[in-house]
């Protein structure tokens, strides 16, 4: 159970950090990319919601081993975070 709790905390922490980065960018460059920043924030919150639903559904799904499900969740989480970081970096050079 501790691993599930830590994974949920990590997801919440990283999501909040992405949102903080968006607000920081908006503060530093108030005239640029408001729509894209709003989209990144919305997508990161959607990712958080989706991942937490998947984690909570692991116990209900007995067909696939829990270890495999958590591995897939971690891989998906890593890919999405890399995507958000890439999108934020692209904003910096526009």
Protein backbone atom coordinates (compact mmCIF):
# COMPACT_ATOMS: atom_id res chain seq x y z
CA UNK A 1 0.00 0.00 0.00
CA UNK A 2 2.85 2.39 0.66
CA UNK A 3 3.94 2.19 -2.97
CA UNK A 4 0.47 3.11 -4.18
CA UNK A 5 0.35 6.05 -1.80
CA UNK A 6 3.80 7.22 -2.92
CA UNK A 7 2.86 6.90 -6.58
CA UNK A 8 -0.26 9.00 -6.01
CA UNK A 9 1.80 11.60 -4.14
CA UNK A 10 4.37 11.68 -6.95
CA UNK A 11 1.65 12.21 -9.55
CA UNK A 12 0.11 15.04 -7.55
CA UNK A 13 3.51 16.63 -6.91
CA UNK A 14 4.63 16.54 -10.53
CA UNK A 15 1.27 17.86 -11.72
CA UNK A 16 1.48 20.78 -9.31
CA UNK A 17 5.06 21.49 -10.44
CA UNK A 18 3.95 21.61 -14.08
CA UNK A 19 1.18 24.04 -13.17
CA UNK A 20 3.60 26.18 -11.15
CA UNK A 21 5.96 26.30 -14.14
CA UNK A 22 3.07 27.49 -16.32
CA UNK A 23 2.20 30.26 -13.87
CA UNK A 24 5.85 31.24 -13.57
CA UNK A 25 6.17 31.46 -17.35
CA UNK A 26 2.99 33.53 -17.45
CA UNK A 27 4.39 35.87 -14.79
CA UNK A 28 7.71 36.30 -16.62
CA UNK A 29 6.15 36.69 -20.07
CA UNK A 30 2.67 38.13 -19.49
CA UNK A 31 1.99 38.89 -23.17
CA UNK A 32 2.75 35.44 -24.61
CA UNK A 33 1.06 32.07 -25.07
CA UNK A 34 -1.92 32.32 -22.71
CA UNK A 35 -3.90 29.77 -24.71
CA UNK A 36 -1.08 27.23 -24.80
CA UNK A 37 -0.40 27.62 -21.08
CA UNK A 38 -4.07 27.06 -20.32
CA UNK A 39 -4.01 23.97 -22.53
CA UNK A 40 -0.94 22.58 -20.73
CA UNK A 41 -2.56 23.15 -17.34
CA UNK A 42 -5.78 21.52 -18.49
CA UNK A 43 -3.93 18.55 -19.98
CA UNK A 44 -1.83 18.04 -16.86
CA UNK A 45 -4.92 18.01 -14.64
CA UNK A 46 -6.58 15.58 -17.04
CA UNK A 47 -3.50 13.35 -16.88
CA UNK A 48 -3.60 13.42 -13.08
CA UNK A 49 -7.27 12.50 -13.01
CA UNK A 50 -6.78 9.71 -15.54
CA UNK A 51 -3.78 8.21 -13.73
CA UNK A 52 -5.50 8.27 -10.35
CA UNK A 53 -8.50 6.50 -11.88
CA UNK A 54 -6.21 3.85 -13.36
CA UNK A 55 -4.48 3.33 -10.02
CA UNK A 56 -7.80 2.95 -8.24
CA UNK A 57 -9.00 0.48 -10.88
CA UNK A 58 -6.00 -1.84 -10.41
CA UNK A 59 -7.61 -3.64 -7.49
CA UNK A 60 -10.84 -4.19 -9.42
CA UNK A 61 -9.16 -5.68 -12.51
CA UNK A 62 -8.14 -9.23 -11.63
CA UNK A 63 -7.36 -10.31 -15.22
CA UNK A 64 -4.04 -8.48 -15.49
CA UNK A 65 -1.45 -8.74 -12.67
CA UNK A 66 -1.19 -5.60 -10.55
CA UNK A 67 2.57 -5.37 -11.05
CA UNK A 68 2.13 -5.17 -14.82
CA UNK A 69 -0.61 -2.56 -14.49
CA UNK A 70 1.52 -0.35 -12.25
CA UNK A 71 4.44 -0.66 -14.66
CA UNK A 72 2.21 0.54 -17.50
CA UNK A 73 0.96 3.42 -15.35
CA UNK A 74 4.52 4.50 -14.52
CA UNK A 75 5.57 4.34 -18.18
CA UNK A 76 2.53 6.39 -19.25
CA UNK A 77 3.22 8.91 -16.47
CA UNK A 78 6.84 9.31 -17.54
CA UNK A 79 5.87 9.81 -21.19
CA UNK A 80 3.26 12.43 -20.35
CA UNK A 81 5.62 14.38 -18.08
CA UNK A 82 8.27 14.40 -20.81
CA UNK A 83 5.64 15.67 -23.23
CA UNK A 84 4.67 18.52 -20.89
CA UNK A 85 8.30 19.50 -20.30
CA UNK A 86 8.88 19.52 -24.06
CA UNK A 87 5.83 21.72 -24.61
CA UNK A 88 6.98 24.16 -21.91
CA UNK A 89 10.47 24.29 -23.40
CA UNK A 90 9.06 25.04 -26.82
CA UNK A 91 7.21 28.02 -25.36
CA UNK A 92 10.46 29.45 -24.06
CA UNK A 93 11.91 29.88 -27.54
CA UNK A 94 8.91 31.45 -29.25
